[in-house]
Amino acid sequence: MPYVPITNIPKMATLDDAQLVSRTLACAFDDDPMMRWFFPDDSSREAGLGRYFTTLFTRQYVHHGVCERTDAGAALWVPPEGQAKAVPDAETVQELQDILGDRALLFRDAVESAAKHTPKEPHWYLAVIGADPAAQGQGHGAALLRSGLAKADAAGLPTYLESSKPSNLPIYEHFGFTVREEVRLPGGGPVLWAMRREPCPPPGV
């Protein structure tokens, strides 16, 4: 079988990439504290995460966000003009409730709690980013992060994200993010770290 190199060059993700994106993110978030809280059953977590990310990607972010992928990573961003439209409609909410089952109310409360800390001024929101652990160290996450941050910088806007995984904080800090708040999710959920990055001026400015 010929060797096929895995590329970490970001490209726009389309609906045709839904299976790749959802599978990649399901693998990437298997050990994420918040996703483990939403999907506590080890035996069904991978399937649940796959359905969860498929729904978010196909019904929200691919239509109202900036979605990029590599061969083993994916990032879902929402620019300011897409944030009002990216709010899940009733049908999407019902799909997510069906996927989450008895964790649906915890999910709703977590989303509402996190939303209270979202910046009011225009910003780029990094909703989801992840790379397949099997491709760890190949620069997929870094390439996707740089690509999105370049777009925010070009617009002169800050970037915002939440992370529930402590080991990710130094990575984001390396790219210029700082922790602004620690948010304890209701119902005994994990801590979310709200992080913000100011835009970098163009070279030579």
N, C-alpha and C. Protein backbone atom coordinates (compact mmCIF):
# COMPACT_ATOMS: atom_id res chain seq x y z
N MET A 1 0.85 -1.19 0.00
CA MET A 1 0.00 0.00 0.00
C MET A 1 0.89 1.24 0.00
N PRO A 2 0.65 2.21 -0.91
CA PRO A 2 1.49 3.40 -0.95
C PRO A 2 1.29 4.26 0.29
N TYR A 3 2.35 4.96 0.69
CA TYR A 3 2.29 5.84 1.85
C TYR A 3 1.52 7.10 1.49
N VAL A 4 0.54 7.43 2.31
CA VAL A 4 -0.26 8.63 2.09
C VAL A 4 -0.01 9.58 3.25
N PRO A 5 0.70 10.68 3.01
CA PRO A 5 1.02 11.58 4.11
C PRO A 5 -0.23 12.28 4.64
N ILE A 6 -0.26 12.52 5.93
CA ILE A 6 -1.36 13.25 6.55
C ILE A 6 -1.00 14.73 6.55
N THR A 7 -1.83 15.54 5.93
CA THR A 7 -1.52 16.96 5.85
C THR A 7 -2.22 17.73 6.97
N ASN A 8 -1.52 18.72 7.49
CA ASN A 8 -2.12 19.57 8.52
C ASN A 8 -2.39 20.97 7.99
N ILE A 9 -2.54 21.09 6.68
CA ILE A 9 -2.86 22.37 6.08
C ILE A 9 -4.37 22.59 6.16
N PRO A 10 -4.83 23.65 6.85
CA PRO A 10 -6.27 23.86 6.99
C PRO A 10 -6.95 24.14 5.66
N LYS A 11 -8.17 23.63 5.54
CA LYS A 11 -9.02 23.91 4.39
C LYS A 11 -10.44 24.09 4.90
N MET A 12 -11.26 24.77 4.13
CA MET A 12 -12.64 24.98 4.55
C MET A 12 -13.37 23.64 4.61
N ALA A 13 -14.15 23.45 5.66
CA ALA A 13 -14.95 22.24 5.81
C ALA A 13 -16.35 22.50 5.28
N THR A 14 -16.88 21.52 4.56
CA THR A 14 -18.22 21.61 3.99
C THR A 14 -19.08 20.48 4.55
N LEU A 15 -20.35 20.48 4.17
CA LEU A 15 -21.25 19.43 4.61
C LEU A 15 -20.73 18.04 4.22
N ASP A 16 -20.03 17.97 3.11
CA ASP A 16 -19.47 16.67 2.68
C ASP A 16 -18.43 16.13 3.66
N ASP A 17 -17.90 17.02 4.51
CA ASP A 17 -16.88 16.62 5.48
C ASP A 17 -17.48 16.26 6.84
N ALA A 18 -18.80 16.18 6.93
CA ALA A 18 -19.45 15.99 8.23
C ALA A 18 -18.95 14.75 8.95
N GLN A 19 -18.82 13.65 8.24
CA GLN A 19 -18.38 12.41 8.89
C GLN A 19 -16.96 12.53 9.42
N LEU A 20 -16.07 13.10 8.61
CA LEU A 20 -14.68 13.27 9.04
C LEU A 20 -14.60 14.20 10.24
N VAL A 21 -15.32 15.33 10.18
CA VAL A 21 -15.28 16.32 11.26
C VAL A 21 -15.82 15.72 12.55
N SER A 22 -16.97 15.06 12.49
CA SER A 22 -17.58 14.53 13.71
C SER A 22 -16.74 13.40 14.30
N ARG A 23 -16.18 12.55 13.45
CA ARG A 23 -15.34 11.46 13.95
C ARG A 23 -14.07 12.01 14.61
N THR A 24 -13.46 13.01 13.97
CA THR A 24 -12.25 13.61 14.52
C THR A 24 -12.52 14.25 15.87
N LEU A 25 -13.60 15.02 15.96
CA LEU A 25 -13.90 15.72 17.21
C LEU A 25 -14.33 14.74 18.30
N ALA A 26 -15.03 13.67 17.93
CA ALA A 26 -15.40 12.66 18.92
C ALA A 26 -14.16 12.04 19.55
N CYS A 27 -13.15 11.76 18.74
CA CYS A 27 -11.89 11.22 19.27
C CYS A 27 -11.17 12.26 20.13
N ALA A 28 -11.15 13.49 19.65
CA ALA A 28 -10.42 14.55 20.34
C ALA A 28 -11.01 14.86 21.71
N PHE A 29 -12.32 14.76 21.85
CA PHE A 29 -12.99 15.17 23.09
C PHE A 29 -13.35 14.00 24.00
N ASP A 30 -12.84 12.83 23.70
CA ASP A 30 -13.15 11.68 24.54
C ASP A 30 -12.71 11.87 25.99
N ASP A 31 -11.60 12.59 26.20
CA ASP A 31 -11.10 12.77 27.57
C ASP A 31 -11.37 14.18 28.10
N ASP A 32 -12.21 14.94 27.42
CA ASP A 32 -12.52 16.29 27.86
C ASP A 32 -13.47 16.24 29.06
N PRO A 33 -13.17 16.97 30.15
CA PRO A 33 -14.00 16.89 31.36
C PRO A 33 -15.47 17.23 31.12
N MET A 34 -15.73 18.25 30.32
CA MET A 34 -17.13 18.61 30.11
C MET A 34 -17.85 17.57 29.28
N MET A 35 -17.20 17.03 28.25
CA MET A 35 -17.84 16.01 27.43
C MET A 35 -18.04 14.71 28.22
N ARG A 36 -17.12 14.40 29.11
CA ARG A 36 -17.30 13.23 29.97
C ARG A 36 -18.44 13.44 30.97
N TRP A 37 -18.68 14.67 31.33
CA TRP A 37 -19.80 14.99 32.21
C TRP A 37 -21.12 14.84 31.45
N PHE A 38 -21.14 15.28 30.20
CA PHE A 38 -22.35 15.14 29.39
C PHE A 38 -22.58 13.69 28.96
N PHE A 39 -21.48 12.95 28.73
CA PHE A 39 -21.57 11.56 28.25
C PHE A 39 -20.77 10.67 29.20
N PRO A 40 -21.32 10.37 30.38
CA PRO A 40 -20.55 9.66 31.41
C PRO A 40 -20.31 8.17 31.13
N ASP A 41 -21.08 7.58 30.24
CA ASP A 41 -20.97 6.14 29.97
C ASP A 41 -19.83 5.88 28.98
N ASP A 42 -18.78 5.21 29.45
CA ASP A 42 -17.62 4.94 28.60
C ASP A 42 -18.00 4.15 27.35
N SER A 43 -18.95 3.25 27.48
CA SER A 43 -19.27 2.35 26.37
C SER A 43 -20.03 3.05 25.24
N SER A 44 -20.71 4.14 25.56
CA SER A 44 -21.52 4.82 24.53
C SER A 44 -21.02 6.22 24.21
N ARG A 45 -19.94 6.65 24.86
CA ARG A 45 -19.49 8.04 24.70
C ARG A 45 -19.09 8.34 23.25
N GLU A 46 -18.32 7.47 22.62
CA GLU A 46 -17.85 7.76 21.27
C GLU A 46 -19.01 7.96 20.31
N ALA A 47 -20.00 7.08 20.38
CA ALA A 47 -21.16 7.20 19.50
C ALA A 47 -21.95 8.47 19.82
N GLY A 48 -22.12 8.77 21.11
CA GLY A 48 -22.85 9.97 21.50
C GLY A 48 -22.15 11.23 21.04
N LEU A 49 -20.83 11.28 21.22
CA LEU A 49 -20.08 12.44 20.77
C LEU A 49 -20.15 12.60 19.26
N GLY A 50 -20.12 11.48 18.55
CA GLY A 50 -20.22 11.55 17.10
C GLY A 50 -21.53 12.18 16.66
N ARG A 51 -22.62 11.76 17.26
CA ARG A 51 -23.93 12.33 16.93
C ARG A 51 -24.01 13.79 17.35
N TYR A 52 -23.46 14.10 18.51
CA TYR A 52 -23.47 15.48 19.04
C TYR A 52 -22.75 16.43 18.08
N PHE A 53 -21.53 16.07 17.69
CA PHE A 53 -20.77 16.96 16.81
C PHE A 53 -21.34 17.00 15.40
N THR A 54 -21.92 15.90 14.94
CA THR A 54 -22.58 15.92 13.63
C THR A 54 -23.72 16.92 13.63
N THR A 55 -24.52 16.91 14.67
CA THR A 55 -25.65 17.83 14.77
C THR A 55 -25.18 19.28 14.82
N LEU A 56 -24.21 19.58 15.68
CA LEU A 56 -23.72 20.96 15.78
C LEU A 56 -23.13 21.44 14.46
N PHE A 57 -22.35 20.57 13.84
CA PHE A 57 -21.68 20.96 12.60
C PHE A 57 -22.67 21.16 11.46
N THR A 58 -23.54 20.19 11.24
CA THR A 58 -24.42 20.24 10.07
C THR A 58 -25.58 21.22 10.22
N ARG A 59 -26.01 21.47 11.45
CA ARG A 59 -27.18 22.33 11.64
C ARG A 59 -26.81 23.76 12.04
N GLN A 60 -25.60 23.97 12.58
CA GLN A 60 -25.24 25.30 13.04
C GLN A 60 -24.01 25.85 12.34
N TYR A 61 -22.86 25.28 12.70
CA TYR A 61 -21.60 25.95 12.40
C TYR A 61 -21.26 25.97 10.93
N VAL A 62 -21.60 24.94 10.17
CA VAL A 62 -21.25 24.96 8.75
C VAL A 62 -22.04 26.04 8.00
N HIS A 63 -23.17 26.45 8.55
CA HIS A 63 -24.02 27.46 7.91
C HIS A 63 -23.71 28.88 8.40
N HIS A 64 -23.34 29.03 9.66
CA HIS A 64 -23.21 30.37 10.23
C HIS A 64 -21.81 30.64 10.81
N GLY A 65 -20.91 29.69 10.66
CA GLY A 65 -19.57 29.86 11.19
C GLY A 65 -18.51 29.76 10.11
N VAL A 66 -17.27 29.72 10.57
CA VAL A 66 -16.12 29.48 9.70
C VAL A 66 -15.54 28.15 10.15
N CYS A 67 -15.74 27.12 9.35
CA CYS A 67 -15.33 25.77 9.73
C CYS A 67 -14.15 25.34 8.87
N GLU A 68 -13.09 24.93 9.54
CA GLU A 68 -11.90 24.47 8.83
C GLU A 68 -11.51 23.09 9.34
N ARG A 69 -10.81 22.37 8.50
CA ARG A 69 -10.36 21.04 8.89
C ARG A 69 -8.98 20.76 8.30
N THR A 70 -8.30 19.82 8.89
CA THR A 70 -7.13 19.19 8.29
C THR A 70 -7.49 17.72 8.10
N ASP A 71 -6.51 16.90 7.80
CA ASP A 71 -6.80 15.47 7.67
C ASP A 71 -7.10 14.82 9.01
N ALA A 72 -6.72 15.48 10.12
CA ALA A 72 -6.93 14.87 11.44
C ALA A 72 -7.32 15.90 12.50
N GLY A 73 -7.90 17.02 12.08
CA GLY A 73 -8.31 18.04 13.03
C GLY A 73 -9.45 18.87 12.47
N ALA A 74 -10.13 19.59 13.35
CA ALA A 74 -11.23 20.46 12.93
C ALA A 74 -11.38 21.61 13.90
N ALA A 75 -11.78 22.75 13.38
CA ALA A 75 -12.03 23.94 14.21
C ALA A 75 -13.30 24.61 13.71
N LEU A 76 -14.17 24.97 14.64
CA LEU A 76 -15.44 25.61 14.33
C LEU A 76 -15.44 26.99 14.99
N TRP A 77 -15.38 28.02 14.18
CA TRP A 77 -15.34 29.41 14.65
C TRP A 77 -16.65 30.10 14.31
N VAL A 78 -16.97 31.14 15.09
CA VAL A 78 -18.13 31.97 14.77
C VAL A 78 -17.69 33.43 14.79
N PRO A 79 -17.71 34.10 13.64
CA PRO A 79 -17.40 35.53 13.60
C PRO A 79 -18.57 36.33 14.14
N PRO A 80 -18.38 37.62 14.42
CA PRO A 80 -19.45 38.41 15.03
C PRO A 80 -20.76 38.36 14.25
N GLU A 81 -20.67 38.42 12.93
CA GLU A 81 -21.90 38.49 12.13
C GLU A 81 -22.68 37.19 12.14
N GLY A 82 -22.09 36.10 12.61
CA GLY A 82 -22.78 34.82 12.63
C GLY A 82 -23.30 34.41 13.99
N GLN A 83 -22.98 35.18 15.03
CA GLN A 83 -23.27 34.71 16.38
C GLN A 83 -24.76 34.67 16.70
N ALA A 84 -25.52 35.63 16.23
CA ALA A 84 -26.96 35.62 16.49
C ALA A 84 -27.63 34.46 15.75
N LYS A 85 -27.13 34.14 14.55
CA LYS A 85 -27.73 33.08 13.74
C LYS A 85 -27.30 31.70 14.20
N ALA A 86 -26.18 31.60 14.92
CA ALA A 86 -25.65 30.30 15.32
C ALA A 86 -26.35 29.73 16.55
N VAL A 87 -27.29 30.48 17.12
CA VAL A 87 -28.06 29.97 18.25
C VAL A 87 -28.94 28.82 17.76
N PRO A 88 -28.93 27.67 18.43
CA PRO A 88 -29.69 26.51 17.94
C PRO A 88 -31.19 26.80 17.84
N ASP A 89 -31.78 26.37 16.73
CA ASP A 89 -33.23 26.50 16.60
C ASP A 89 -33.91 25.35 17.35
N ALA A 90 -35.24 25.36 17.36
CA ALA A 90 -35.99 24.39 18.17
C ALA A 90 -35.71 22.96 17.73
N GLU A 91 -35.58 22.74 16.42
CA GLU A 91 -35.34 21.39 15.93
C GLU A 91 -33.95 20.89 16.35
N THR A 92 -32.96 21.79 16.31
CA THR A 92 -31.62 21.42 16.74
C THR A 92 -31.59 21.11 18.22
N VAL A 93 -32.27 21.94 19.01
CA VAL A 93 -32.35 21.71 20.45
C VAL A 93 -32.96 20.35 20.74
N GLN A 94 -34.01 19.99 20.01
CA GLN A 94 -34.65 18.69 20.22
C GLN A 94 -33.70 17.55 19.87
N GLU A 95 -32.95 17.70 18.78
CA GLU A 95 -31.98 16.67 18.41
C GLU A 95 -30.94 16.49 19.51
N LEU A 96 -30.43 17.60 20.03
CA LEU A 96 -29.42 17.52 21.08
C LEU A 96 -30.00 16.89 22.35
N GLN A 97 -31.24 17.21 22.67
CA GLN A 97 -31.88 16.61 23.84
C GLN A 97 -32.02 15.11 23.67
N ASP A 98 -32.35 14.68 22.46
CA ASP A 98 -32.47 13.24 22.20
C ASP A 98 -31.12 12.54 22.35
N ILE A 99 -30.06 13.21 21.91
CA ILE A 99 -28.72 12.63 21.99
C ILE A 99 -28.25 12.56 23.44
N LEU A 100 -28.52 13.60 24.21
CA LEU A 100 -28.01 13.70 25.58
C LEU A 100 -28.87 12.94 26.59
N GLY A 101 -30.11 12.66 26.24
CA GLY A 101 -30.96 11.89 27.14
C GLY A 101 -31.15 12.55 28.48
N ASP A 102 -30.86 11.82 29.56
CA ASP A 102 -31.09 12.37 30.90
C ASP A 102 -30.06 13.43 31.29
N ARG A 103 -29.08 13.72 30.44
CA ARG A 103 -28.12 14.80 30.70
C ARG A 103 -28.52 16.09 30.00
N ALA A 104 -29.66 16.09 29.32
CA ALA A 104 -30.07 17.24 28.52
C ALA A 104 -30.26 18.50 29.37
N LEU A 105 -30.85 18.36 30.55
CA LEU A 105 -31.06 19.53 31.40
C LEU A 105 -29.74 20.08 31.91
N LEU A 106 -28.80 19.21 32.23
CA LEU A 106 -27.47 19.67 32.64
C LEU A 106 -26.82 20.44 31.50
N PHE A 107 -26.97 19.94 30.28
CA PHE A 107 -26.41 20.61 29.11
C PHE A 107 -27.02 21.99 28.94
N ARG A 108 -28.33 22.07 29.05
CA ARG A 108 -29.01 23.37 28.90
C ARG A 108 -28.51 24.37 29.94
N ASP A 109 -28.42 23.92 31.19
CA ASP A 109 -27.97 24.82 32.26
C ASP A 109 -26.51 25.24 32.05
N ALA A 110 -25.70 24.32 31.55
CA ALA A 110 -24.29 24.64 31.30
C ALA A 110 -24.15 25.69 30.20
N VAL A 111 -24.92 25.52 29.12
CA VAL A 111 -24.88 26.48 28.02
C VAL A 111 -25.34 27.85 28.49
N GLU A 112 -26.40 27.89 29.27
CA GLU A 112 -26.92 29.17 29.77
C GLU A 112 -25.92 29.83 30.71
N SER A 113 -25.26 29.03 31.55
CA SER A 113 -24.28 29.57 32.49
C SER A 113 -23.08 30.15 31.75
N ALA A 114 -22.58 29.42 30.76
CA ALA A 114 -21.42 29.89 30.00
C ALA A 114 -21.76 31.14 29.21
N ALA A 115 -22.98 31.21 28.68
CA ALA A 115 -23.38 32.35 27.85
C ALA A 115 -23.36 33.66 28.62
N LYS A 116 -23.55 33.60 29.93
CA LYS A 116 -23.54 34.81 30.75
C LYS A 116 -22.17 35.48 30.77
N HIS A 117 -21.13 34.75 30.42
CA HIS A 117 -19.77 35.28 30.49
C HIS A 117 -19.20 35.62 29.12
N THR A 118 -20.01 35.49 28.08
CA THR A 118 -19.57 35.80 26.73
C THR A 118 -19.38 37.31 26.58
N PRO A 119 -18.30 37.76 25.97
CA PRO A 119 -18.08 39.20 25.79
C PRO A 119 -19.22 39.86 25.01
N LYS A 120 -19.51 41.09 25.35
CA LYS A 120 -20.60 41.80 24.68
C LYS A 120 -20.13 42.47 23.39
N GLU A 121 -18.85 42.85 23.32
CA GLU A 121 -18.37 43.54 22.14
C GLU A 121 -18.11 42.54 21.00
N PRO A 122 -18.02 43.00 19.77
CA PRO A 122 -17.76 42.10 18.64
C PRO A 122 -16.47 41.31 18.85
N HIS A 123 -16.52 40.01 18.55
CA HIS A 123 -15.35 39.15 18.73
C HIS A 123 -15.52 37.90 17.89
N TRP A 124 -14.44 37.20 17.68
CA TRP A 124 -14.47 35.87 17.08
C TRP A 124 -14.53 34.84 18.20
N TYR A 125 -15.43 33.88 18.07
CA TYR A 125 -15.61 32.85 19.09
C TYR A 125 -15.10 31.52 18.56
N LEU A 126 -14.17 30.92 19.29
CA LEU A 126 -13.70 29.59 18.95
C LEU A 126 -14.58 28.60 19.68
N ALA A 127 -15.57 28.06 18.96
CA ALA A 127 -16.55 27.18 19.59
C ALA A 127 -15.97 25.82 19.89
N VAL A 128 -15.25 25.25 18.93
CA VAL A 128 -14.71 23.89 19.06
C VAL A 128 -13.42 23.80 18.27
N ILE A 129 -12.41 23.17 18.87
CA ILE A 129 -11.20 22.82 18.12
C ILE A 129 -10.65 21.52 18.70
N GLY A 130 -10.21 20.64 17.84
CA GLY A 130 -9.68 19.37 18.32
C GLY A 130 -8.96 18.62 17.22
N ALA A 131 -8.05 17.76 17.63
CA ALA A 131 -7.32 16.91 16.70
C ALA A 131 -7.37 15.48 17.21
N ASP A 132 -7.36 14.55 16.29
CA ASP A 132 -7.35 13.13 16.63
C ASP A 132 -6.09 12.82 17.43
N PRO A 133 -6.22 12.23 18.63
CA PRO A 133 -5.03 11.90 19.43
C PRO A 133 -4.03 11.02 18.68
N ALA A 134 -4.50 10.24 17.72
CA ALA A 134 -3.60 9.39 16.95
C ALA A 134 -2.62 10.20 16.11
N ALA A 135 -2.96 11.48 15.85
CA ALA A 135 -2.09 12.36 15.07
C ALA A 135 -1.43 13.43 15.95
N GLN A 136 -1.38 13.17 17.24
CA GLN A 136 -0.81 14.13 18.18
C GLN A 136 0.63 14.45 17.81
N GLY A 137 0.97 15.73 17.94
CA GLY A 137 2.35 16.15 17.67
C GLY A 137 2.61 16.50 16.22
N GLN A 138 1.60 16.39 15.36
CA GLN A 138 1.79 16.69 13.94
C GLN A 138 1.33 18.09 13.56
N GLY A 139 0.92 18.88 14.56
CA GLY A 139 0.63 20.29 14.33
C GLY A 139 -0.75 20.61 13.79
N HIS A 140 -1.69 19.67 13.87
CA HIS A 140 -3.02 19.93 13.33
C HIS A 140 -3.75 21.03 14.11
N GLY A 141 -3.75 20.91 15.43
CA GLY A 141 -4.42 21.91 16.24
C GLY A 141 -3.79 23.29 16.10
N ALA A 142 -2.47 23.34 16.10
CA ALA A 142 -1.77 24.62 15.98
C ALA A 142 -2.05 25.27 14.63
N ALA A 143 -2.06 24.48 13.56
CA ALA A 143 -2.33 25.03 12.24
C ALA A 143 -3.74 25.61 12.16
N LEU A 144 -4.71 24.89 12.72
CA LEU A 144 -6.09 25.37 12.72
C LEU A 144 -6.24 26.62 13.58
N LEU A 145 -5.57 26.64 14.71
CA LEU A 145 -5.64 27.80 15.59
C LEU A 145 -5.04 29.03 14.92
N ARG A 146 -3.87 28.87 14.30
CA ARG A 146 -3.23 30.01 13.62
C ARG A 146 -4.12 30.54 12.49
N SER A 147 -4.74 29.64 11.78
CA SER A 147 -5.58 30.06 10.65
C SER A 147 -6.75 30.92 11.11
N GLY A 148 -7.43 30.48 12.15
CA GLY A 148 -8.56 31.26 12.65
C GLY A 148 -8.13 32.56 13.29
N LEU A 149 -7.05 32.53 14.04
CA LEU A 149 -6.57 33.75 14.69
C LEU A 149 -6.14 34.79 13.66
N ALA A 150 -5.59 34.33 12.54
CA ALA A 150 -5.21 35.26 11.48
C ALA A 150 -6.42 36.01 10.94
N LYS A 151 -7.55 35.32 10.84
CA LYS A 151 -8.78 35.96 10.36
C LYS A 151 -9.28 36.98 11.38
N ALA A 152 -9.23 36.63 12.65
CA ALA A 152 -9.65 37.58 13.69
C ALA A 152 -8.72 38.79 13.72
N ASP A 153 -7.41 38.55 13.58
CA ASP A 153 -6.45 39.65 13.57
C ASP A 153 -6.69 40.57 12.37
N ALA A 154 -6.98 39.97 11.21
CA ALA A 154 -7.23 40.77 10.01
C ALA A 154 -8.44 41.68 10.20
N ALA A 155 -9.40 41.21 11.01
CA ALA A 155 -10.60 42.02 11.29
C ALA A 155 -10.37 42.97 12.46
N GLY A 156 -9.21 42.85 13.12
CA GLY A 156 -8.92 43.69 14.27
C GLY A 156 -9.77 43.39 15.48
N LEU A 157 -10.16 42.12 15.63
CA LEU A 157 -11.10 41.75 16.70
C LEU A 157 -10.47 40.76 17.67
N PRO A 158 -10.91 40.81 18.94
CA PRO A 158 -10.45 39.82 19.92
C PRO A 158 -11.08 38.46 19.67
N THR A 159 -10.53 37.46 20.32
CA THR A 159 -11.01 36.09 20.21
C THR A 159 -11.35 35.57 21.60
N TYR A 160 -12.39 34.74 21.67
CA TYR A 160 -12.87 34.23 22.96
C TYR A 160 -13.09 32.73 22.84
N LEU A 161 -12.81 32.02 23.92
CA LEU A 161 -13.08 30.58 23.97
C LEU A 161 -13.33 30.17 25.41
N GLU A 162 -13.88 28.96 25.58
CA GLU A 162 -13.96 28.33 26.90
C GLU A 162 -13.29 26.97 26.81
N SER A 163 -12.57 26.61 27.86
CA SER A 163 -11.94 25.29 27.92
C SER A 163 -12.22 24.67 29.28
N SER A 164 -12.49 23.37 29.27
CA SER A 164 -12.69 22.67 30.54
C SER A 164 -11.53 21.72 30.83
N LYS A 165 -10.49 21.78 30.00
CA LYS A 165 -9.36 20.87 30.13
C LYS A 165 -8.12 21.65 30.57
N PRO A 166 -7.68 21.48 31.82
CA PRO A 166 -6.57 22.29 32.33
C PRO A 166 -5.30 22.20 31.49
N SER A 167 -5.02 21.03 30.92
CA SER A 167 -3.78 20.87 30.16
C SER A 167 -3.78 21.68 28.87
N ASN A 168 -4.95 22.15 28.44
CA ASN A 168 -5.01 22.97 27.23
C ASN A 168 -4.69 24.44 27.49
N LEU A 169 -4.78 24.86 28.75
CA LEU A 169 -4.61 26.29 29.04
C LEU A 169 -3.24 26.81 28.61
N PRO A 170 -2.12 26.12 28.92
CA PRO A 170 -0.83 26.62 28.46
C PRO A 170 -0.71 26.71 26.95
N ILE A 171 -1.39 25.82 26.24
CA ILE A 171 -1.35 25.86 24.77
C ILE A 171 -2.01 27.14 24.28
N TYR A 172 -3.18 27.45 24.82
CA TYR A 172 -3.86 28.67 24.41
C TYR A 172 -3.07 29.90 24.85
N GLU A 173 -2.48 29.84 26.02
CA GLU A 173 -1.68 30.98 26.47
C GLU A 173 -0.50 31.23 25.55
N HIS A 174 0.07 30.16 25.00
CA HIS A 174 1.17 30.30 24.05
C HIS A 174 0.74 31.10 22.83
N PHE A 175 -0.54 31.00 22.47
CA PHE A 175 -1.05 31.73 21.32
C PHE A 175 -1.65 33.08 21.69
N GLY A 176 -1.43 33.52 22.90
CA GLY A 176 -1.83 34.86 23.30
C GLY A 176 -3.10 34.98 24.10
N PHE A 177 -3.73 33.87 24.44
CA PHE A 177 -4.94 33.92 25.27
C PHE A 177 -4.57 34.09 26.74
N THR A 178 -5.45 34.73 27.47
CA THR A 178 -5.31 34.82 28.92
C THR A 178 -6.63 34.41 29.57
N VAL A 179 -6.53 33.81 30.73
CA VAL A 179 -7.74 33.41 31.48
C VAL A 179 -8.37 34.66 32.08
N ARG A 180 -9.63 34.87 31.79
CA ARG A 180 -10.36 36.01 32.34
C ARG A 180 -11.27 35.61 33.50
N GLU A 181 -11.82 34.39 33.44
CA GLU A 181 -12.74 33.95 34.48
C GLU A 181 -12.68 32.44 34.61
N GLU A 182 -12.99 31.96 35.82
CA GLU A 182 -13.24 30.55 36.05
C GLU A 182 -14.72 30.39 36.36
N VAL A 183 -15.38 29.56 35.57
CA VAL A 183 -16.83 29.39 35.70
C VAL A 183 -17.11 27.96 36.13
N ARG A 184 -17.69 27.80 37.30
CA ARG A 184 -18.09 26.47 37.77
C ARG A 184 -19.48 26.18 37.23
N LEU A 185 -19.59 25.15 36.41
CA LEU A 185 -20.88 24.83 35.82
C LEU A 185 -21.85 24.31 36.89
N PRO A 186 -23.13 24.65 36.75
CA PRO A 186 -24.11 24.21 37.75
C PRO A 186 -24.31 22.70 37.71
N GLY A 187 -24.89 22.20 38.79
CA GLY A 187 -25.20 20.78 38.85
C GLY A 187 -23.99 19.90 39.11
N GLY A 188 -22.93 20.47 39.68
CA GLY A 188 -21.73 19.68 39.96
C GLY A 188 -20.84 19.47 38.76
N GLY A 189 -20.99 20.33 37.75
CA GLY A 189 -20.18 20.20 36.54
C GLY A 189 -18.76 20.68 36.73
N PRO A 190 -17.92 20.49 35.71
CA PRO A 190 -16.52 20.89 35.79
C PRO A 190 -16.36 22.41 35.70
N VAL A 191 -15.15 22.86 35.88
CA VAL A 191 -14.81 24.28 35.73
C VAL A 191 -14.57 24.58 34.26
N LEU A 192 -15.09 25.72 33.81
CA LEU A 192 -14.76 26.26 32.50
C LEU A 192 -13.84 27.46 32.69
N TRP A 193 -12.77 27.49 31.92
CA TRP A 193 -11.91 28.66 31.92
C TRP A 193 -12.25 29.50 30.70
N ALA A 194 -12.73 30.72 30.96
CA ALA A 194 -13.04 31.65 29.88
C ALA A 194 -11.76 32.40 29.52
N MET A 195 -11.38 32.34 28.25
CA MET A 195 -10.11 32.90 27.81
C MET A 195 -10.35 33.90 26.68
N ARG A 196 -9.50 34.90 26.66
CA ARG A 196 -9.62 35.97 25.66
C ARG A 196 -8.25 36.30 25.10
N ARG A 197 -8.23 36.64 23.84
CA ARG A 197 -7.00 37.07 23.16
C ARG A 197 -7.26 38.36 22.43
N GLU A 198 -6.41 39.33 22.66
CA GLU A 198 -6.53 40.60 21.94
C GLU A 198 -5.95 40.44 20.53
N PRO A 199 -6.44 41.19 19.58
CA PRO A 199 -5.93 41.06 18.21
C PRO A 199 -4.49 41.54 18.12
N CYS A 200 -3.73 40.88 17.29
CA CYS A 200 -2.36 41.28 17.02
C CYS A 200 -2.36 42.25 15.83
N PRO A 201 -1.63 43.34 15.93
CA PRO A 201 -1.59 44.29 14.79
C PRO A 201 -0.83 43.66 13.62
N PRO A 202 -1.10 44.12 12.42
CA PRO A 202 -0.36 43.62 11.25
C PRO A 202 1.14 43.86 11.40
N PRO A 203 1.98 43.03 10.78
CA PRO A 203 3.42 43.24 10.84
C PRO A 203 3.81 44.64 10.38
N GLY A 204 4.70 45.26 11.12
CA GLY A 204 5.17 46.58 10.73
C GLY A 204 4.37 47.72 11.32
N VAL A 205 3.27 47.38 12.04
CA VAL A 205 2.44 48.43 12.64
C VAL A 205 2.86 48.66 14.07
